Protein backbone atom coordinates (compact mmCIF):
# COMPACT_ATOMS: atom_id res chain seq x y z
CA MET A 1 0.00 0.00 0.00
CA GLU A 2 1.26 3.45 -0.89
CA LYS A 3 2.27 5.77 1.94
CA ASN A 4 1.02 9.36 1.82
CA PRO A 5 2.54 12.33 3.67
CA ILE A 6 0.34 13.27 6.63
CA GLY A 7 2.21 16.12 8.31
CA GLN A 8 3.99 16.12 11.63
CA ASN A 9 1.08 15.26 13.89
CA PHE A 10 1.33 12.81 16.76
CA PHE A 11 0.07 9.40 15.76
CA ILE A 12 1.43 7.37 18.66
CA PRO A 13 -1.17 6.35 21.28
CA MET A 14 -0.02 7.60 24.67
CA PRO A 15 -0.82 6.31 28.16
CA VAL A 16 -2.69 8.86 30.25
CA VAL A 17 -1.41 9.51 33.76
CA LEU A 18 -1.99 12.04 36.50
CA VAL A 19 1.24 13.66 37.65
CA GLY A 20 1.06 14.73 41.28
CA THR A 21 3.12 17.48 42.85
CA GLN A 22 3.06 19.57 45.95
CA VAL A 23 3.05 23.30 45.16
CA GLU A 24 3.52 25.65 48.10
CA GLY A 25 2.51 22.81 50.43
CA LYS A 26 -0.70 21.87 48.56
CA ALA A 27 -1.29 18.76 46.45
CA ASN A 28 -1.86 19.38 42.75
CA PHE A 29 -2.52 17.03 39.83
CA MET A 30 -2.13 17.40 36.10
CA THR A 31 -3.21 15.10 33.26
CA VAL A 32 -0.21 14.04 31.18
CA GLY A 33 -0.20 12.05 27.95
CA TRP A 34 3.55 12.02 27.39
CA CYS A 35 4.92 9.51 29.88
CA THR A 36 7.01 6.36 29.45
CA ARG A 37 9.73 4.20 30.97
CA ALA A 38 13.19 5.75 30.71
CA ASN A 39 15.52 3.25 32.43
CA ALA A 40 15.38 -0.30 33.77
CA ASN A 41 17.83 -0.29 36.69
CA PRO A 42 17.34 1.86 38.61
CA PRO A 43 13.75 2.09 37.38
CA MET A 44 13.05 5.51 35.88
CA ILE A 45 10.14 7.16 34.12
CA VAL A 46 9.97 10.29 31.97
CA CYS A 47 7.05 12.71 31.68
CA GLY A 48 6.84 15.56 29.18
CA ILE A 49 5.20 18.67 30.63
CA ASN A 50 4.56 21.97 28.85
CA ASN A 51 6.88 24.71 30.07
CA ASN A 52 3.95 26.97 31.03
CA HIS A 53 2.23 24.48 33.35
CA TYR A 54 1.91 25.10 37.07
CA THR A 55 3.00 21.52 37.85
CA GLN A 56 6.58 22.40 36.96
CA LYS A 57 6.73 24.75 39.95
CA GLY A 58 5.94 21.89 42.36
CA ILE A 59 8.55 19.58 40.87
CA ALA A 60 11.14 22.38 41.09
CA GLU A 61 10.24 23.03 44.76
CA THR A 62 10.27 19.46 46.06
CA LYS A 63 12.35 17.55 43.47
CA THR A 64 9.64 14.85 43.63
CA PHE A 65 6.47 13.91 41.77
CA SER A 66 4.04 11.03 41.47
CA VAL A 67 2.71 9.20 38.44
CA ASN A 68 -0.81 7.87 38.97
CA ILE A 69 -2.43 5.53 36.46
CA PRO A 70 -6.18 6.22 36.39
CA SER A 71 -8.73 3.65 35.26
CA SER A 72 -11.48 4.52 32.80
CA ALA A 73 -13.81 4.98 35.79
CA LEU A 74 -11.81 8.16 36.56
CA LEU A 75 -12.15 9.60 33.04
CA GLU A 76 -14.08 12.75 34.03
CA LYS A 77 -11.80 13.62 36.96
CA THR A 78 -8.73 12.86 34.84
CA ASP A 79 -9.89 15.12 32.02
CA TYR A 80 -10.81 17.86 34.52
CA CYS A 81 -7.24 17.86 35.85
CA GLY A 82 -6.08 18.62 32.31
CA LEU A 83 -8.65 21.34 31.70
CA VAL A 84 -7.98 23.57 34.72
CA SER A 85 -4.74 24.92 36.10
CA GLY A 86 -3.70 24.53 39.70
CA ARG A 87 -2.93 28.27 39.60
CA LYS A 88 -6.69 28.92 39.58
CA ALA A 89 -8.35 25.75 40.89
CA ASP A 90 -7.68 23.73 44.03
CA LYS A 91 -7.30 20.16 42.77
CA SER A 92 -6.13 18.83 46.15
CA LYS A 93 -9.64 17.72 47.17
CA ILE A 94 -10.65 15.86 43.98
CA PHE A 95 -9.12 12.57 45.12
CA ASP A 96 -8.30 10.74 48.33
CA LEU A 97 -4.56 11.16 48.79
CA PHE A 98 -1.74 9.23 50.38
CA TYR A 99 2.01 9.71 50.63
CA GLY A 100 4.89 7.26 50.51
CA THR A 101 8.43 7.54 51.77
CA LEU A 102 9.19 10.81 49.95
CA LYS A 103 6.40 12.69 51.81
CA THR A 104 6.15 15.35 49.05
CA ALA A 105 4.76 13.35 46.10
CA PRO A 106 0.97 13.14 46.59
CA MET A 107 -0.56 9.94 45.22
CA ILE A 108 -4.15 9.12 44.37
CA GLN A 109 -5.86 6.37 46.36
CA GLU A 110 -8.49 5.78 43.62
CA CYS A 111 -5.89 5.05 40.93
CA PRO A 112 -5.16 1.32 40.65
CA VAL A 113 -1.40 1.95 40.27
CA THR A 114 0.71 4.81 41.63
CA LEU A 115 4.43 5.56 41.50
CA GLU A 116 6.40 7.98 43.65
CA CYS A 117 9.42 9.48 41.97
CA ARG A 118 12.51 11.43 42.90
CA LEU A 119 13.59 13.90 40.20
CA VAL A 120 16.82 12.79 38.51
CA GLN A 121 17.01 15.25 35.65
CA LYS A 122 15.05 17.92 33.81
CA VAL A 123 15.64 18.31 30.08
CA THR A 124 14.31 21.62 28.76
CA LEU A 125 13.04 21.62 25.18
CA PRO A 126 11.45 24.50 23.21
CA THR A 127 7.84 23.90 24.36
CA ASN A 128 8.06 21.11 26.93
CA SER A 129 10.42 19.82 29.57
CA LEU A 130 11.14 16.18 30.16
CA TYR A 131 11.15 15.19 33.82
CA ILE A 132 13.09 12.02 34.48
CA GLY A 133 12.25 10.48 37.82
CA GLU A 134 13.61 7.48 39.65
CA ILE A 135 10.74 5.34 40.87
CA VAL A 136 11.34 4.94 44.61
CA GLY A 137 7.94 3.46 45.44
CA ALA A 138 5.28 1.60 43.48
CA TYR A 139 1.83 0.85 44.87
CA ALA A 140 -1.08 -1.15 43.44
CA ASP A 141 -4.53 -2.29 44.47
CA GLY A 142 -4.47 -6.00 45.24
CA ARG A 143 -7.16 -6.65 42.63
CA VAL A 144 -4.87 -5.53 39.76
CA ILE A 145 -2.05 -7.95 40.58
CA LYS A 146 -2.37 -11.58 39.43
CA ASP A 147 0.45 -14.07 39.92
CA ARG A 148 2.72 -11.17 40.98
CA LYS A 149 2.20 -9.42 37.62
CA PRO A 150 0.01 -6.48 36.64
CA ASP A 151 -3.40 -7.42 35.25
CA PHE A 152 -3.79 -4.67 32.65
CA PRO A 153 -7.45 -5.35 31.78
CA GLU A 154 -8.20 -4.98 35.52
CA ILE A 155 -6.12 -1.77 35.73
CA ASP A 156 -8.19 -0.49 32.77
CA PRO A 157 -5.76 2.29 31.78
CA LEU A 158 -6.59 5.20 29.50
CA PHE A 159 -4.77 6.13 26.29
CA LEU A 160 -4.74 9.45 24.44
CA THR A 161 -4.60 9.81 20.67
CA MET A 162 -3.71 13.00 18.85
CA PRO A 163 -4.53 14.98 16.79
CA ASP A 164 -8.11 13.73 17.33
CA ASN A 165 -7.79 14.29 21.13
CA ARG A 166 -9.68 11.15 22.15
CA TYR A 167 -9.37 8.80 25.10
CA TRP A 168 -9.28 5.05 24.56
CA THR A 169 -9.12 1.97 26.74
CA LEU A 170 -7.01 -1.16 26.37
CA GLY A 171 -7.89 -3.50 23.53
CA LYS A 172 -7.50 -7.24 23.22
CA HIS A 173 -4.32 -9.22 23.78
CA ALA A 174 -2.48 -9.50 20.42
CA GLY A 175 0.54 -11.66 21.26
CA ASN A 176 3.50 -12.08 23.57
CA ALA A 177 6.60 -9.88 23.39
CA TRP A 178 9.96 -11.53 22.78
CA SER A 179 8.07 -14.60 21.63
CA ALA A 180 5.65 -13.88 18.75
CA GLY A 181 8.46 -13.37 16.23
CA ARG A 182 10.65 -16.28 17.23
CA LYS A 183 9.57 -18.41 14.25
CA LEU A 184 11.14 -15.80 11.94
CA ILE A 185 14.60 -16.17 13.55
CA LYS A 186 16.91 -18.10 11.26
CA SER A 187 19.08 -20.64 13.06
């Protein structure tokens, strides 16, 4: 099939997370679609945040942040956290909060999986900054762990697609990584 130029839009589905910070002593949350693993050992994650967002102030103050994985049941609250700025709205009361060992990275009790992170590095780009955090604590509801592994259909994570700006949920299992292509390996 012929490939046609489509412009420089984002066509990679992105997991949706809520990044938690503490700004001037108050919990704040922001919806983020640019978040992924950055390192295996020590475990690190990277989140891209627009340079104008209030959340950056909290990360700069405390050098910590949380990454909370909401389920589809939290769609409205998750979207709300991306629509309003913590500069103007108090988002500290939207969720039930808890804190781990860092004490300055607010986490969301209602999210099936939460990670508390210590800032390792900030990479400033023209419109966004990449925040690389070492995961120092990971927490999950017991119902989303099966045989000591995450049960992703039970977690029910959200994904964001652009440029259509739509949320999606996880689809069906398509195959196993590091296994499905083995028959193509020539001995």
